[in-house]
Amino acid sequence: MRLAVVDRGSRWANRLFLRFVRWQSKAEPVGVLKTIHYRSDFWGRPYSDLLQDVMRGPSEWTPGERELFAAFTAKLGACRF
């Protein structure tokens, strides 16, 4: 269950951004994008930086392997990736 405020945007700029994405893509924005813009102080830059480190930082696995693991995990959780 997701809060309605996440779907519609909590601030004027968020609502405008989500409307633009809907208009441009002719589809509903994915949940990750909505979440990042809902609490951008928490989920925005800090989350994006962490995700970048995990997916592209030093590792024994290549970035492609990590992307494949993420896609497989999303599929198991019935999540659109």
PDB file of N, CA and C in Angstrom:
ATOM      1  N   MET A   1       0.840  -1.173   0.000  1.00  0.00           N
ATOM      2  CA  MET A   1       0.000   0.000   0.000  1.00  0.00           C
ATOM      3  C   MET A   1       0.887   1.239   0.000  1.00  0.00           C
ATOM      4  N   ARG A   2       0.568   2.189  -0.833  1.00  0.00           N
ATOM      5  CA  ARG A   2       1.342   3.415  -0.916  1.00  0.00           C
ATOM      6  C   ARG A   2       0.453   4.593  -0.525  1.00  0.00           C
ATOM      7  N   LEU A   3       1.034   5.561   0.142  1.00  0.00           N
ATOM      8  CA  LEU A   3       0.301   6.772   0.499  1.00  0.00           C
ATOM      9  C   LEU A   3      -0.102   7.527  -0.755  1.00  0.00           C
ATOM     10  N   ALA A   4      -1.305   8.066  -0.764  1.00  0.00           N
ATOM     11  CA  ALA A   4      -1.778   8.822  -1.922  1.00  0.00           C
ATOM     12  C   ALA A   4      -0.879  10.020  -2.203  1.00  0.00           C
ATOM     13  N   VAL A   5      -0.309  10.610  -1.156  1.00  0.00           N
ATOM     14  CA  VAL A   5       0.547  11.779  -1.340  1.00  0.00           C
ATOM     15  C   VAL A   5       1.798  11.420  -2.151  1.00  0.00           C
ATOM     16  N   VAL A   6       2.258  10.175  -2.069  1.00  0.00           N
ATOM     17  CA  VAL A   6       3.409   9.753  -2.871  1.00  0.00           C
ATOM     18  C   VAL A   6       3.024   9.700  -4.341  1.00  0.00           C
ATOM     19  N   ASP A   7       1.824   9.229  -4.635  1.00  0.00           N
ATOM     20  CA  ASP A   7       1.366   9.144  -6.024  1.00  0.00           C
ATOM     21  C   ASP A   7       1.133  10.504  -6.658  1.00  0.00           C
ATOM     22  N   ARG A   8       0.630  11.439  -5.879  1.00  0.00           N
ATOM     23  CA  ARG A   8       0.297  12.732  -6.486  1.00  0.00           C
ATOM     24  C   ARG A   8       1.379  13.790  -6.296  1.00  0.00           C
ATOM     25  N   GLY A   9       2.285  13.580  -5.343  1.00  0.00           N
ATOM     26  CA  GLY A   9       3.327  14.575  -5.069  1.00  0.00           C
ATOM     27  C   GLY A   9       2.948  15.393  -3.852  1.00  0.00           C
ATOM     28  N   SER A  10       3.906  15.638  -2.981  1.00  0.00           N
ATOM     29  CA  SER A  10       3.608  16.323  -1.728  1.00  0.00           C
ATOM     30  C   SER A  10       3.767  17.834  -1.822  1.00  0.00           C
ATOM     31  N   ARG A  11       4.582  18.271  -2.719  1.00  0.00           N
ATOM     32  CA  ARG A  11       4.813  19.715  -2.888  1.00  0.00           C
ATOM     33  C   ARG A  11       4.470  20.122  -4.313  1.00  0.00           C
ATOM     34  N   TRP A  12       4.287  21.391  -4.500  1.00  0.00           N
ATOM     35  CA  TRP A  12       3.912  21.903  -5.813  1.00  0.00           C
ATOM     36  C   TRP A  12       4.913  21.469  -6.881  1.00  0.00           C
ATOM     37  N   ALA A  13       6.194  21.606  -6.610  1.00  0.00           N
ATOM     38  CA  ALA A  13       7.220  21.227  -7.586  1.00  0.00           C
ATOM     39  C   ALA A  13       7.181  19.728  -7.876  1.00  0.00           C
ATOM     40  N   ASN A  14       6.911  18.913  -6.859  1.00  0.00           N
ATOM     41  CA  ASN A  14       6.818  17.458  -7.062  1.00  0.00           C
ATOM     42  C   ASN A  14       5.624  17.106  -7.936  1.00  0.00           C
ATOM     43  N   ARG A  15       4.484  17.746  -7.672  1.00  0.00           N
ATOM     44  CA  ARG A  15       3.297  17.485  -8.479  1.00  0.00           C
ATOM     45  C   ARG A  15       3.538  17.867  -9.933  1.00  0.00           C
ATOM     46  N   LEU A  16       4.180  19.011 -10.126  1.00  0.00           N
ATOM     47  CA  LEU A  16       4.480  19.463 -11.487  1.00  0.00           C
ATOM     48  C   LEU A  16       5.423  18.491 -12.182  1.00  0.00           C
ATOM     49  N   PHE A  17       6.447  18.031 -11.485  1.00  0.00           N
ATOM     50  CA  PHE A  17       7.396  17.087 -12.056  1.00  0.00           C
ATOM     51  C   PHE A  17       6.700  15.785 -12.454  1.00  0.00           C
ATOM     52  N   LEU A  18       5.870  15.231 -11.558  1.00  0.00           N
ATOM     53  CA  LEU A  18       5.182  13.978 -11.853  1.00  0.00           C
ATOM     54  C   LEU A  18       4.216  14.141 -13.026  1.00  0.00           C
ATOM     55  N   ARG A  19       3.549  15.277 -13.108  1.00  0.00           N
ATOM     56  CA  ARG A  19       2.678  15.539 -14.262  1.00  0.00           C
ATOM     57  C   ARG A  19       3.487  15.578 -15.548  1.00  0.00           C
ATOM     58  N   PHE A  20       4.652  16.212 -15.498  1.00  0.00           N
ATOM     59  CA  PHE A  20       5.515  16.278 -16.667  1.00  0.00           C
ATOM     60  C   PHE A  20       5.956  14.878 -17.100  1.00  0.00           C
ATOM     61  N   VAL A  21       6.340  14.047 -16.143  1.00  0.00           N
ATOM     62  CA  VAL A  21       6.764  12.675 -16.462  1.00  0.00           C
ATOM     63  C   VAL A  21       5.607  11.901 -17.091  1.00  0.00           C
ATOM     64  N   ARG A  22       4.410  12.035 -16.531  1.00  0.00           N
ATOM     65  CA  ARG A  22       3.237  11.349 -17.094  1.00  0.00           C
ATOM     66  C   ARG A  22       2.963  11.813 -18.519  1.00  0.00           C
ATOM     67  N   TRP A  23       3.045  13.115 -18.725  1.00  0.00           N
ATOM     68  CA  TRP A  23       2.787  13.671 -20.054  1.00  0.00           C
ATOM     69  C   TRP A  23       3.852  13.221 -21.050  1.00  0.00           C
ATOM     70  N   GLN A  24       5.100  13.276 -20.643  1.00  0.00           N
ATOM     71  CA  GLN A  24       6.212  12.950 -21.531  1.00  0.00           C
ATOM     72  C   GLN A  24       6.253  11.457 -21.862  1.00  0.00           C
ATOM     73  N   SER A  25       6.054  10.607 -20.862  1.00  0.00           N
ATOM     74  CA  SER A  25       6.174   9.161 -21.075  1.00  0.00           C
ATOM     75  C   SER A  25       4.851   8.506 -21.454  1.00  0.00           C
ATOM     76  N   LYS A  26       3.751   9.240 -21.256  1.00  0.00           N
ATOM     77  CA  LYS A  26       2.414   8.698 -21.468  1.00  0.00           C
ATOM     78  C   LYS A  26       2.186   7.431 -20.637  1.00  0.00           C
ATOM     79  N   ALA A  27       2.801   7.409 -19.460  1.00  0.00           N
ATOM     80  CA  ALA A  27       2.664   6.285 -18.528  1.00  0.00           C
ATOM     81  C   ALA A  27       2.824   6.808 -17.102  1.00  0.00           C
ATOM     82  N   GLU A  28       2.402   5.996 -16.167  1.00  0.00           N
ATOM     83  CA  GLU A  28       2.545   6.348 -14.754  1.00  0.00           C
ATOM     84  C   GLU A  28       4.016   6.210 -14.341  1.00  0.00           C
ATOM     85  N   PRO A  29       4.565   7.208 -13.656  1.00  0.00           N
ATOM     86  CA  PRO A  29       5.956   7.091 -13.194  1.00  0.00           C
ATOM     87  C   PRO A  29       6.130   5.889 -12.255  1.00  0.00           C
ATOM     88  N   VAL A  30       7.302   5.281 -12.295  1.00  0.00           N
ATOM     89  CA  VAL A  30       7.572   4.127 -11.436  1.00  0.00           C
ATOM     90  C   VAL A  30       7.647   4.571  -9.981  1.00  0.00           C
ATOM     91  N   GLY A  31       7.420   3.618  -9.078  1.00  0.00           N
ATOM     92  CA  GLY A  31       7.376   3.912  -7.655  1.00  0.00           C
ATOM     93  C   GLY A  31       8.653   4.509  -7.102  1.00  0.00           C
ATOM     94  N   VAL A  32       9.806   4.059  -7.610  1.00  0.00           N
ATOM     95  CA  VAL A  32      11.080   4.593  -7.112  1.00  0.00           C
ATOM     96  C   VAL A  32      11.171   6.081  -7.389  1.00  0.00           C
ATOM     97  N   LEU A  33      10.777   6.497  -8.566  1.00  0.00           N
ATOM     98  CA  LEU A  33      10.819   7.919  -8.909  1.00  0.00           C
ATOM     99  C   LEU A  33       9.887   8.727  -8.004  1.00  0.00           C
ATOM    100  N   LYS A  34       8.702   8.198  -7.741  1.00  0.00           N
ATOM    101  CA  LYS A  34       7.755   8.884  -6.860  1.00  0.00           C
ATOM    102  C   LYS A  34       8.315   9.003  -5.447  1.00  0.00           C
ATOM    103  N   THR A  35       8.925   7.935  -4.965  1.00  0.00           N
ATOM    104  CA  THR A  35       9.474   7.932  -3.608  1.00  0.00           C
ATOM    105  C   THR A  35      10.619   8.916  -3.475  1.00  0.00           C
ATOM    106  N   ILE A  36      11.505   8.932  -4.443  1.00  0.00           N
ATOM    107  CA  ILE A  36      12.646   9.858  -4.408  1.00  0.00           C
ATOM    108  C   ILE A  36      12.163  11.306  -4.347  1.00  0.00           C
ATOM    109  N   HIS A  37      11.108  11.612  -5.071  1.00  0.00           N
ATOM    110  CA  HIS A  37      10.609  12.987  -5.073  1.00  0.00           C
ATOM    111  C   HIS A  37       9.681  13.292  -3.905  1.00  0.00           C
ATOM    112  N   TYR A  38       9.150  12.255  -3.256  1.00  0.00           N
ATOM    113  CA  TYR A  38       8.292  12.488  -2.097  1.00  0.00           C
ATOM    114  C   TYR A  38       9.092  13.017  -0.922  1.00  0.00           C
ATOM    115  N   ARG A  39      10.189  12.375  -0.597  1.00  0.00           N
ATOM    116  CA  ARG A  39      11.051  12.817   0.506  1.00  0.00           C
ATOM    117  C   ARG A  39      12.452  13.005  -0.043  1.00  0.00           C
ATOM    118  N   SER A  40      12.629  14.009  -0.868  1.00  0.00           N
ATOM    119  CA  SER A  40      13.907  14.194  -1.543  1.00  0.00           C
ATOM    120  C   SER A  40      15.051  14.463  -0.563  1.00  0.00           C
ATOM    121  N   ASP A  41      14.748  15.017   0.607  1.00  0.00           N
ATOM    122  CA  ASP A  41      15.803  15.248   1.594  1.00  0.00           C
ATOM    123  C   ASP A  41      16.363  13.932   2.135  1.00  0.00           C
ATOM    124  N   PHE A  42      15.531  12.900   2.163  1.00  0.00           N
ATOM    125  CA  PHE A  42      15.967  11.593   2.648  1.00  0.00           C
ATOM    126  C   PHE A  42      16.246  10.637   1.492  1.00  0.00           C
ATOM    127  N   TRP A  43      15.293  10.532   0.577  1.00  0.00           N
ATOM    128  CA  TRP A  43      15.399   9.562  -0.508  1.00  0.00           C
ATOM    129  C   TRP A  43      16.094  10.121  -1.746  1.00  0.00           C
ATOM    130  N   GLY A  44      16.203  11.395  -1.876  1.00  0.00           N
ATOM    131  CA  GLY A  44      16.787  11.996  -3.072  1.00  0.00           C
ATOM    132  C   GLY A  44      18.267  11.743  -3.207  1.00  0.00           C
ATOM    133  N   ARG A  45      19.070  12.725  -2.876  1.00  0.00           N
ATOM    134  CA  ARG A  45      20.523  12.628  -3.036  1.00  0.00           C
ATOM    135  C   ARG A  45      21.151  11.528  -2.186  1.00  0.00           C
ATOM    136  N   PRO A  46      20.822  11.407  -0.881  1.00  0.00           N
ATOM    137  CA  PRO A  46      21.451  10.340  -0.090  1.00  0.00           C
ATOM    138  C   PRO A  46      21.188   8.942  -0.661  1.00  0.00           C
ATOM    139  N   TYR A  47      19.951   8.680  -1.055  1.00  0.00           N
ATOM    140  CA  TYR A  47      19.611   7.366  -1.607  1.00  0.00           C
ATOM    141  C   TYR A  47      20.283   7.148  -2.958  1.00  0.00           C
ATOM    142  N   SER A  48      20.274   8.165  -3.789  1.00  0.00           N
ATOM    143  CA  SER A  48      20.911   8.058  -5.103  1.00  0.00           C
ATOM    144  C   SER A  48      22.413   7.820  -4.973  1.00  0.00           C
ATOM    145  N   ASP A  49      23.046   8.506  -4.040  1.00  0.00           N
ATOM    146  CA  ASP A  49      24.487   8.303  -3.818  1.00  0.00           C
ATOM    147  C   ASP A  49      24.775   6.878  -3.340  1.00  0.00           C
ATOM    148  N   LEU A  50      23.967   6.383  -2.406  1.00  0.00           N
ATOM    149  CA  LEU A  50      24.140   5.023  -1.919  1.00  0.00           C
ATOM    150  C   LEU A  50      23.939   4.016  -3.046  1.00  0.00           C
ATOM    151  N   LEU A  51      22.896   4.202  -3.822  1.00  0.00           N
ATOM    152  CA  LEU A  51      22.626   3.299  -4.931  1.00  0.00           C
ATOM    153  C   LEU A  51      23.769   3.312  -5.947  1.00  0.00           C
ATOM    154  N   GLN A  52      24.302   4.481  -6.227  1.00  0.00           N
ATOM    155  CA  GLN A  52      25.431   4.594  -7.149  1.00  0.00           C
ATOM    156  C   GLN A  52      26.645   3.826  -6.604  1.00  0.00           C
ATOM    157  N   ASP A  53      26.919   3.959  -5.326  1.00  0.00           N
ATOM    158  CA  ASP A  53      28.039   3.229  -4.716  1.00  0.00           C
ATOM    159  C   ASP A  53      27.844   1.722  -4.812  1.00  0.00           C
ATOM    160  N   VAL A  54      26.629   1.279  -4.520  1.00  0.00           N
ATOM    161  CA  VAL A  54      26.353  -0.158  -4.539  1.00  0.00           C
ATOM    162  C   VAL A  54      26.437  -0.718  -5.957  1.00  0.00           C
ATOM    163  N   MET A  55      25.887  -0.004  -6.905  1.00  0.00           N
ATOM    164  CA  MET A  55      25.827  -0.528  -8.270  1.00  0.00           C
ATOM    165  C   MET A  55      27.091  -0.284  -9.085  1.00  0.00           C
ATOM    166  N   ARG A  56      27.853   0.741  -8.744  1.00  0.00           N
ATOM    167  CA  ARG A  56      29.019   1.085  -9.567  1.00  0.00           C
ATOM    168  C   ARG A  56      30.334   1.143  -8.802  1.00  0.00           C
ATOM    169  N   GLY A  57      30.291   1.010  -7.481  1.00  0.00           N
ATOM    170  CA  GLY A  57      31.499   1.100  -6.670  1.00  0.00           C
ATOM    171  C   GLY A  57      32.360  -0.159  -6.785  1.00  0.00           C
ATOM    172  N   PRO A  58      33.463  -0.189  -6.053  1.00  0.00           N
ATOM    173  CA  PRO A  58      34.360  -1.335  -6.090  1.00  0.00           C
ATOM    174  C   PRO A  58      33.643  -2.625  -5.677  1.00  0.00           C
ATOM    175  N   SER A  59      33.883  -3.683  -6.429  1.00  0.00           N
ATOM    176  CA  SER A  59      33.242  -4.959  -6.143  1.00  0.00           C
ATOM    177  C   SER A  59      33.921  -6.047  -6.965  1.00  0.00           C
ATOM    178  N   GLU A  60      33.748  -7.273  -6.533  1.00  0.00           N
ATOM    179  CA  GLU A  60      34.221  -8.409  -7.315  1.00  0.00           C
ATOM    180  C   GLU A  60      33.310  -8.651  -8.515  1.00  0.00           C
ATOM    181  N   TRP A  61      32.093  -8.120  -8.465  1.00  0.00           N
ATOM    182  CA  TRP A  61      31.131  -8.287  -9.545  1.00  0.00           C
ATOM    183  C   TRP A  61      31.166  -7.083 -10.470  1.00  0.00           C
ATOM    184  N   THR A  62      30.925  -7.295 -11.736  1.00  0.00           N
ATOM    185  CA  THR A  62      30.877  -6.196 -12.704  1.00  0.00           C
ATOM    186  C   THR A  62      29.562  -5.437 -12.533  1.00  0.00           C
ATOM    187  N   PRO A  63      29.492  -4.200 -13.022  1.00  0.00           N
ATOM    188  CA  PRO A  63      28.209  -3.481 -12.970  1.00  0.00           C
ATOM    189  C   PRO A  63      27.088  -4.254 -13.682  1.00  0.00           C
ATOM    190  N   GLY A  64      27.410  -4.916 -14.772  1.00  0.00           N
ATOM    191  CA  GLY A  64      26.399  -5.706 -15.484  1.00  0.00           C
ATOM    192  C   GLY A  64      25.851  -6.848 -14.642  1.00  0.00           C
ATOM    193  N   GLU A  65      26.740  -7.519 -13.911  1.00  0.00           N
ATOM    194  CA  GLU A  65      26.289  -8.598 -13.028  1.00  0.00           C
ATOM    195  C   GLU A  65      25.401  -8.053 -11.924  1.00  0.00           C
ATOM    196  N   ARG A  66      25.764  -6.904 -11.381  1.00  0.00           N
ATOM    197  CA  ARG A  66      24.939  -6.303 -10.316  1.00  0.00           C
ATOM    198  C   ARG A  66      23.578  -5.896 -10.848  1.00  0.00           C
ATOM    199  N   GLU A  67      23.527  -5.370 -12.074  1.00  0.00           N
ATOM    200  CA  GLU A  67      22.240  -5.018 -12.688  1.00  0.00           C
ATOM    201  C   GLU A  67      21.388  -6.270 -12.874  1.00  0.00           C
ATOM    202  N   LEU A  68      22.027  -7.353 -13.309  1.00  0.00           N
ATOM    203  CA  LEU A  68      21.307  -8.607 -13.492  1.00  0.00           C
ATOM    204  C   LEU A  68      20.763  -9.128 -12.162  1.00  0.00           C
ATOM    205  N   PHE A  69      21.552  -9.057 -11.103  1.00  0.00           N
ATOM    206  CA  PHE A  69      21.081  -9.471  -9.776  1.00  0.00           C
ATOM    207  C   PHE A  69      19.890  -8.621  -9.336  1.00  0.00           C
ATOM    208  N   ALA A  70      19.971  -7.330  -9.574  1.00  0.00           N
ATOM    209  CA  ALA A  70      18.878  -6.429  -9.190  1.00  0.00           C
ATOM    210  C   ALA A  70      17.609  -6.752  -9.980  1.00  0.00           C
ATOM    211  N   ALA A  71      17.753  -7.005 -11.276  1.00  0.00           N
ATOM    212  CA  ALA A  71      16.588  -7.335 -12.101  1.00  0.00           C
ATOM    213  C   ALA A  71      15.964  -8.657 -11.661  1.00  0.00           C
ATOM    214  N   PHE A  72      16.808  -9.650 -11.370  1.00  0.00           N
ATOM    215  CA  PHE A  72      16.308 -10.953 -10.926  1.00  0.00           C
ATOM    216  C   PHE A  72      15.577 -10.827  -9.589  1.00  0.00           C
ATOM    217  N   THR A  73      16.148 -10.072  -8.662  1.00  0.00           N
ATOM    218  CA  THR A  73      15.519  -9.865  -7.361  1.00  0.00           C
ATOM    219  C   THR A  73      14.183  -9.146  -7.507  1.00  0.00           C
ATOM    220  N   ALA A  74      14.132  -8.160  -8.385  1.00  0.00           N
ATOM    221  CA  ALA A  74      12.872  -7.448  -8.622  1.00  0.00           C
ATOM    222  C   ALA A  74      11.836  -8.399  -9.211  1.00  0.00           C
ATOM    223  N   LYS A  75      12.254  -9.251 -10.117  1.00  0.00           N
ATOM    224  CA  LYS A  75      11.329 -10.222 -10.711  1.00  0.00           C
ATOM    225  C   LYS A  75      10.781 -11.167  -9.649  1.00  0.00           C
ATOM    226  N   LEU A  76      11.630 -11.647  -8.755  1.00  0.00           N
ATOM    227  CA  LEU A  76      11.158 -12.534  -7.690  1.00  0.00           C
ATOM    228  C   LEU A  76      10.143 -11.844  -6.800  1.00  0.00           C
ATOM    229  N   GLY A  77      10.318 -10.551  -6.589  1.00  0.00           N
ATOM    230  CA  GLY A  77       9.385  -9.778  -5.761  1.00  0.00           C
ATOM    231  C   GLY A  77       8.211  -9.220  -6.541  1.00  0.00           C
ATOM    232  N   ALA A  78       8.056  -9.646  -7.808  1.00  0.00           N
ATOM    233  CA  ALA A  78       6.973  -9.165  -8.684  1.00  0.00           C
ATOM    234  C   ALA A  78       6.986  -7.644  -8.788  1.00  0.00           C
ATOM    235  N   CYS A  79       8.188  -7.087  -8.843  1.00  0.00           N
ATOM    236  CA  CYS A  79       8.365  -5.638  -8.923  1.00  0.00           C
ATOM    237  C   CYS A  79       8.773  -5.262 -10.343  1.00  0.00           C
ATOM    238  N   ARG A  80       8.140  -4.222 -10.894  1.00  0.00           N
ATOM    239  CA  ARG A  80       8.581  -3.746 -12.211  1.00  0.00           C
ATOM    240  C   ARG A  80       9.956  -3.151 -12.068  1.00  0.00           C
ATOM    241  N   PHE A  81      10.870  -3.559 -12.891  1.00  0.00           N
ATOM    242  CA  PHE A  81      12.256  -3.097 -12.817  1.00  0.00           C
ATOM    243  C   PHE A  81      12.559  -2.212 -13.977  1.00  0.00           C
TER     244      PHE A  81
END
